[in-house]
N, C-alpha and C. Protein backbone atom coordinates (compact mmCIF):
# COMPACT_ATOMS: atom_id res chain seq x y z
N MET A 1 80.95 108.96 109.17
CA MET A 1 80.75 109.10 110.58
C MET A 1 80.93 109.75 111.37
N ARG A 2 82.82 109.19 111.66
CA ARG A 2 83.39 109.80 112.73
C ARG A 2 83.52 111.28 112.53
N ALA A 3 84.07 111.75 111.35
CA ALA A 3 84.02 113.10 111.19
C ALA A 3 83.11 114.07 111.52
N ALA A 4 81.79 113.59 110.92
CA ALA A 4 80.41 114.44 111.37
C ALA A 4 80.61 113.92 112.92
N LEU A 5 80.31 113.44 113.22
CA LEU A 5 80.03 112.85 114.47
C LEU A 5 81.25 113.77 115.63
N ARG A 6 82.38 113.90 115.01
CA ARG A 6 83.48 114.76 115.73
C ARG A 6 83.32 116.20 115.85
N GLU A 7 82.92 116.95 114.95
CA GLU A 7 82.43 118.16 114.53
C GLU A 7 81.22 118.49 115.46
N LEU A 8 79.91 118.12 115.06
CA LEU A 8 78.94 118.09 116.36
C LEU A 8 79.35 118.13 117.35
N LEU A 9 79.86 116.87 118.08
CA LEU A 9 80.50 117.15 119.54
C LEU A 9 81.57 117.92 120.14
N ALA A 10 82.10 118.81 119.25
CA ALA A 10 83.02 119.47 118.98
C ALA A 10 83.23 120.53 120.59
N ARG A 11 81.66 120.90 120.71
CA ARG A 11 81.59 121.57 121.98
C ARG A 11 80.62 121.00 123.14
N TRP A 12 79.64 120.00 122.67
CA TRP A 12 79.23 119.75 123.20
C TRP A 12 79.13 118.58 124.66
N GLY A 13 78.64 119.03 125.79
CA GLY A 13 78.54 117.91 126.73
C GLY A 13 79.94 118.09 127.50
N ALA A 14 79.60 117.23 128.92
CA ALA A 14 80.62 118.01 130.12
C ALA A 14 81.78 117.10 129.36
N PRO A 15 83.05 117.29 129.91
CA PRO A 15 84.08 116.12 129.99
C PRO A 15 84.30 114.92 129.81
N GLY A 16 84.71 114.43 128.55
CA GLY A 16 84.59 113.17 128.49
C GLY A 16 83.34 112.66 127.83
N ARG A 17 82.03 113.33 127.57
CA ARG A 17 80.77 112.53 127.53
C ARG A 17 81.32 112.45 125.93
N ALA A 18 81.67 113.54 125.41
CA ALA A 18 82.00 113.22 123.92
C ALA A 18 82.40 112.01 123.25
N ASP A 19 83.22 111.83 124.12
CA ASP A 19 84.41 110.48 124.14
C ASP A 19 83.73 109.37 124.54
N THR A 20 82.73 109.32 125.21
CA THR A 20 82.10 108.05 125.35
C THR A 20 81.25 108.07 124.61
N ALA A 21 80.81 109.35 124.10
CA ALA A 21 79.75 108.80 122.70
C ALA A 21 80.61 108.36 121.27
N ARG A 22 81.35 109.03 121.08
CA ARG A 22 82.26 108.43 120.16
C ARG A 22 82.79 106.73 120.45
N LEU A 23 83.12 106.31 121.16
CA LEU A 23 83.74 105.26 121.67
C LEU A 23 81.91 103.86 121.32
N LEU A 24 80.86 104.96 121.68
CA LEU A 24 79.67 103.74 121.43
C LEU A 24 79.10 103.77 120.28
N ALA A 25 79.39 105.03 119.69
CA ALA A 25 79.33 104.84 117.83
C ALA A 25 79.97 104.20 117.75
N SER A 26 81.25 104.54 117.40
CA SER A 26 82.02 103.26 117.03
C SER A 26 81.92 101.41 117.55
N GLU A 27 81.30 101.74 118.39
CA GLU A 27 81.52 100.06 118.78
C GLU A 27 79.69 99.26 118.06
N LEU A 28 78.72 100.37 117.80
CA LEU A 28 77.76 100.02 117.38
C LEU A 28 77.65 99.93 115.07
N VAL A 29 78.75 101.09 115.19
CA VAL A 29 78.69 100.69 113.71
C VAL A 29 79.79 99.33 113.54
N THR A 30 80.65 99.47 114.31
CA THR A 30 81.75 97.96 114.11
C THR A 30 80.71 96.82 113.97
N ASN A 31 79.79 96.57 115.34
CA ASN A 31 79.15 95.46 115.44
C ASN A 31 78.46 95.33 114.69
N ALA A 32 77.57 96.60 113.41
CA ALA A 32 76.46 96.79 112.45
C ALA A 32 77.33 95.82 111.29
N LEU A 33 78.58 96.16 110.61
CA LEU A 33 79.79 95.83 109.80
C LEU A 33 80.18 94.24 110.01
N VAL A 34 80.48 94.15 111.04
CA VAL A 34 80.98 92.54 112.02
C VAL A 34 79.81 91.86 111.18
N HIS A 35 78.95 91.91 112.12
CA HIS A 35 77.63 90.77 112.06
C HIS A 35 76.31 90.59 110.68
N THR A 36 76.61 91.88 110.07
CA THR A 36 75.45 91.80 109.18
C THR A 36 76.22 91.32 107.97
N ASP A 37 75.31 91.30 106.71
CA ASP A 37 75.95 90.69 105.29
C ASP A 37 75.98 92.45 104.46
N GLY A 38 75.42 93.03 104.93
CA GLY A 38 75.66 94.63 104.45
C GLY A 38 76.10 95.98 104.88
N GLY A 39 75.83 97.05 104.46
CA GLY A 39 76.21 98.07 104.78
C GLY A 39 75.29 98.78 106.44
N ALA A 40 75.60 99.86 106.47
CA ALA A 40 74.78 100.38 107.90
C ALA A 40 74.44 102.06 107.51
N VAL A 41 73.92 102.62 108.18
CA VAL A 41 72.98 103.50 108.00
C VAL A 41 73.16 104.26 109.58
N VAL A 42 74.30 105.50 109.81
CA VAL A 42 73.85 106.16 110.85
C VAL A 42 73.10 107.29 111.56
N THR A 43 72.34 107.31 112.19
CA THR A 43 71.55 108.72 112.52
C THR A 43 72.27 109.52 113.71
N ILE A 44 72.81 110.87 113.92
CA ILE A 44 73.01 111.68 114.80
C ILE A 44 72.04 112.68 115.27
N THR A 45 71.69 112.36 116.21
CA THR A 45 70.43 113.68 116.66
C THR A 45 70.71 114.14 118.21
N LEU A 46 70.89 115.43 118.11
CA LEU A 46 70.96 115.96 119.46
C LEU A 46 69.48 117.13 119.70
N SER A 47 68.67 116.84 120.69
CA SER A 47 67.88 117.27 121.16
C SER A 47 67.72 117.93 122.28
N GLY A 48 66.80 119.19 122.90
CA GLY A 48 66.76 119.40 123.70
C GLY A 48 67.47 120.29 124.33
N GLY A 49 68.91 120.58 123.74
CA GLY A 49 69.70 121.82 123.48
C GLY A 49 70.38 122.10 122.62
N ASP A 50 71.51 123.21 122.51
CA ASP A 50 72.80 123.39 121.60
C ASP A 50 73.61 122.65 121.67
N ALA A 51 74.53 122.50 120.64
CA ALA A 51 76.03 122.20 121.17
C ALA A 51 76.30 122.94 121.24
N ALA A 52 76.03 124.13 120.49
CA ALA A 52 76.81 125.20 121.08
C ALA A 52 77.00 125.54 122.48
N GLU A 53 75.64 125.34 123.19
CA GLU A 53 75.41 125.98 124.63
C GLU A 53 75.72 124.33 125.51
N ALA A 54 76.67 123.20 124.69
CA ALA A 54 77.05 122.33 125.86
C ALA A 54 75.64 121.55 126.05
N LYS A 55 74.49 121.85 125.64
CA LYS A 55 73.55 120.61 126.47
C LYS A 55 72.85 120.30 125.58
N GLY A 56 71.77 118.91 125.82
CA GLY A 56 70.83 118.43 125.25
C GLY A 56 71.10 117.11 125.24
N ARG A 57 70.44 116.10 124.84
CA ARG A 57 70.59 114.66 124.66
C ARG A 57 70.50 114.20 123.21
N LEU A 58 71.76 113.67 122.97
CA LEU A 58 72.47 113.04 121.94
C LEU A 58 72.08 111.73 122.00
N ARG A 59 71.68 111.30 120.43
CA ARG A 59 71.15 109.88 120.27
C ARG A 59 71.61 109.71 119.18
N VAL A 60 72.44 108.21 118.69
CA VAL A 60 73.28 108.41 118.29
C VAL A 60 72.25 106.81 117.51
N GLU A 61 71.90 106.63 116.71
CA GLU A 61 71.65 105.07 116.06
C GLU A 61 71.94 104.60 115.01
N VAL A 62 71.57 103.54 114.84
CA VAL A 62 72.42 102.55 113.86
C VAL A 62 71.89 101.24 113.26
N ARG A 63 71.49 101.40 111.59
CA ARG A 63 70.61 100.85 111.09
C ARG A 63 71.52 99.67 110.59
N ASP A 64 71.03 98.84 110.83
CA ASP A 64 70.71 97.41 109.03
C ASP A 64 70.18 97.22 108.71
N PHE A 65 70.81 96.16 108.64
CA PHE A 65 69.62 95.28 107.36
C PHE A 65 68.71 93.70 107.71
N VAL A 66 69.94 93.23 108.46
CA VAL A 66 68.78 92.12 108.97
C VAL A 66 68.92 92.20 110.47
N ALA A 67 67.83 91.15 110.05
CA ALA A 67 66.44 90.93 111.75
C ALA A 67 67.10 90.74 112.44
N ARG A 68 67.91 89.44 112.75
CA ARG A 68 68.19 89.45 113.94
C ARG A 68 69.11 90.13 115.19
N ARG A 69 68.72 89.80 115.98
CA ARG A 69 68.69 90.83 117.02
C ARG A 69 69.75 90.88 117.89
N PRO A 70 70.42 91.84 118.09
CA PRO A 70 71.92 91.34 119.07
C PRO A 70 71.71 91.07 120.62
N THR A 71 72.62 90.67 120.75
CA THR A 71 72.50 89.41 122.02
C THR A 71 73.90 90.30 123.22
N LEU A 72 73.74 90.71 124.10
CA LEU A 72 74.31 91.20 125.25
C LEU A 72 75.21 90.01 125.60
N HIS A 73 76.20 89.86 126.03
CA HIS A 73 77.03 89.16 126.45
C HIS A 73 77.43 89.60 127.84
N ARG A 74 78.40 88.41 128.56
CA ARG A 74 79.43 89.17 129.73
C ARG A 74 80.70 88.99 128.78
N ALA A 75 81.53 89.87 128.62
CA ALA A 75 82.83 90.15 128.60
C ALA A 75 83.45 88.76 128.81
N GLY A 76 84.01 87.94 127.94
CA GLY A 76 85.06 86.84 128.37
C GLY A 76 84.57 85.57 128.66
N LEU A 77 82.85 85.74 127.74
CA LEU A 77 82.60 83.76 127.63
C LEU A 77 82.27 83.54 125.79
N ASP A 78 83.47 83.24 125.74
CA ASP A 78 84.80 82.93 124.82
C ASP A 78 84.81 81.29 124.95
N GLY A 79 84.19 80.62 125.99
CA GLY A 79 84.15 79.26 125.71
C GLY A 79 86.19 79.04 127.07
N ASP A 80 86.62 80.35 127.56
CA ASP A 80 87.76 80.04 128.54
C ASP A 80 87.67 80.84 130.25
N PRO A 81 87.25 79.87 131.11
CA PRO A 81 86.45 80.67 131.84
C PRO A 81 87.58 81.74 132.46
N GLU A 82 88.85 81.62 132.37
CA GLU A 82 90.11 82.50 132.73
C GLU A 82 89.95 83.49 132.05
N SER A 83 89.53 83.54 130.79
CA SER A 83 89.29 85.23 130.20
C SER A 83 88.27 86.37 130.79
N VAL A 84 87.78 85.15 131.41
CA VAL A 84 86.31 86.34 132.13
C VAL A 84 87.71 87.17 133.63
N ILE A 85 88.19 86.35 134.89
CA ILE A 85 88.55 86.68 135.37
C ILE A 85 89.72 87.59 134.98
N ALA A 86 90.54 87.71 133.84
CA ALA A 86 92.01 88.02 133.40
C ALA A 86 91.41 89.28 132.54
N GLY A 87 90.70 88.98 132.45
CA GLY A 87 89.20 90.40 131.24
C GLY A 87 90.33 89.95 129.79
N ALA A 88 90.68 89.06 129.80
CA ALA A 88 91.57 88.98 128.07
C ALA A 88 90.15 88.24 127.16
N ALA A 89 89.19 88.11 127.20
CA ALA A 89 88.12 88.10 125.92
C ALA A 89 88.56 89.37 124.65
N THR A 90 89.06 89.17 123.41
CA THR A 90 89.05 90.00 122.53
C THR A 90 87.99 91.01 121.85
N SER A 91 86.58 90.11 122.05
CA SER A 91 85.51 90.66 121.62
C SER A 91 84.00 90.28 122.60
N GLY A 92 83.36 90.62 121.82
CA GLY A 92 82.11 90.72 122.24
C GLY A 92 81.76 91.98 123.42
N ARG A 93 82.67 92.80 123.21
CA ARG A 93 82.29 93.72 124.29
C ARG A 93 81.24 94.89 124.16
N GLY A 94 80.80 94.79 122.86
CA GLY A 94 80.03 96.26 122.49
C GLY A 94 79.10 96.70 122.94
N LEU A 95 78.68 95.81 122.91
CA LEU A 95 77.46 96.30 123.37
C LEU A 95 76.79 96.12 125.44
N LEU A 96 77.93 95.39 125.77
CA LEU A 96 78.30 95.78 127.23
C LEU A 96 78.95 96.98 127.64
N LEU A 97 79.76 97.67 126.79
CA LEU A 97 80.06 98.74 126.85
C LEU A 97 78.78 99.60 126.32
N VAL A 98 78.24 99.86 125.38
CA VAL A 98 77.07 100.18 125.30
C VAL A 98 75.99 100.28 126.61
N HIS A 99 75.14 99.01 126.52
CA HIS A 99 74.98 98.67 128.50
C HIS A 99 75.16 99.27 129.50
N SER A 100 76.27 99.85 129.36
CA SER A 100 77.39 100.08 131.14
C SER A 100 77.29 102.06 131.07
N LEU A 101 77.42 102.19 129.83
CA LEU A 101 77.67 103.59 129.46
C LEU A 101 76.69 104.66 128.90
N ALA A 102 75.86 104.09 128.52
CA ALA A 102 74.83 104.95 127.82
C ALA A 102 73.86 104.97 128.87
N ASP A 103 73.72 106.40 128.62
CA ASP A 103 72.13 106.86 129.51
C ASP A 103 70.89 105.94 129.32
N ALA A 104 70.82 105.41 128.07
CA ALA A 104 69.34 104.40 127.84
C ALA A 104 70.30 104.45 126.09
N TRP A 105 68.90 103.01 125.80
CA TRP A 105 69.67 101.82 124.62
C TRP A 105 69.06 100.98 124.25
N GLY A 106 68.79 100.81 123.44
CA GLY A 106 67.39 99.67 122.47
C GLY A 106 68.09 98.83 121.17
N VAL A 107 67.36 98.14 120.94
CA VAL A 107 66.98 97.94 119.74
C VAL A 107 65.50 97.96 119.33
N ARG A 108 65.86 98.16 118.01
CA ARG A 108 63.67 98.67 117.46
C ARG A 108 63.85 97.65 116.16
N ALA A 109 63.06 97.05 115.53
CA ALA A 109 62.45 96.35 114.52
C ALA A 109 61.97 97.48 113.74
N HIS A 110 63.02 97.09 112.36
CA HIS A 110 62.40 97.74 111.39
C HIS A 110 62.15 97.38 109.90
N GLY A 111 60.96 97.72 109.49
CA GLY A 111 61.03 96.57 108.33
C GLY A 111 62.07 95.99 107.09
N VAL A 112 63.40 96.10 107.61
CA VAL A 112 64.13 95.22 106.78
C VAL A 112 65.69 94.57 107.25
N GLY A 113 65.42 95.17 108.99
CA GLY A 113 66.27 94.93 109.78
C GLY A 113 66.16 95.30 111.45
N LYS A 114 66.85 96.01 111.76
CA LYS A 114 66.87 96.70 112.79
C LYS A 114 67.97 98.21 112.98
N SER A 115 67.43 98.84 114.26
CA SER A 115 68.01 99.71 114.51
C SER A 115 68.66 99.39 115.84
N VAL A 116 69.90 99.84 116.38
CA VAL A 116 70.18 99.84 117.87
C VAL A 116 70.74 101.13 117.91
N TRP A 117 70.51 101.45 119.31
CA TRP A 117 70.47 103.13 119.56
C TRP A 117 70.96 103.38 120.94
N PHE A 118 71.83 104.56 121.22
CA PHE A 118 72.01 105.22 122.62
C PHE A 118 71.58 106.49 122.70
N GLU A 119 71.72 106.53 123.71
CA GLU A 119 71.22 108.14 123.96
C GLU A 119 72.29 108.43 125.30
N LEU A 120 73.34 109.77 125.36
CA LEU A 120 73.41 110.40 126.12
C LEU A 120 73.20 111.79 126.42
N GLU A 121 72.58 112.06 127.74
CA GLU A 121 72.89 113.43 128.24
C GLU A 121 73.94 114.20 128.24
N ALA A 122 74.01 115.58 127.93
CA ALA A 122 75.67 116.26 127.78
C ALA A 122 75.45 116.35 128.53
N GLN A 123 75.63 116.54 130.19
CA GLN A 123 75.90 116.43 131.64
C GLN A 123 75.69 115.03 132.22
N GLU A 124 76.66 114.47 133.08
CA GLU A 124 76.29 112.96 133.31
C GLU A 124 75.15 113.05 134.67
N PRO A 125 74.21 111.96 134.48
CA PRO A 125 73.29 112.37 135.21
C PRO A 125 73.74 112.09 136.62
């Protein structure tokens, strides 16, 4: 997945946008593998432009096979109030990053699980 995404994003987007896309995709795949019993299917699409022109909207969708919806947590809510202040939480930041950095994101149920997706415009909004 990483190699395919890196190749697609080689000429896509404003500086830093491809890095953001790689980070968010990695977070969603990690969540799917850590919090479910099986694998994940990743779909990456580019619409409304051409990667060679550094335009378009990128959508990354990670499908897993567990219907339980993910929960957006504030980082640090691991039982230690000091970790919120110190930023010491070591997990639970994946969806928070997606929520904070993606132009759009969501969760969609499907027959045997769910898809968690995000979208980024090539240029910062």
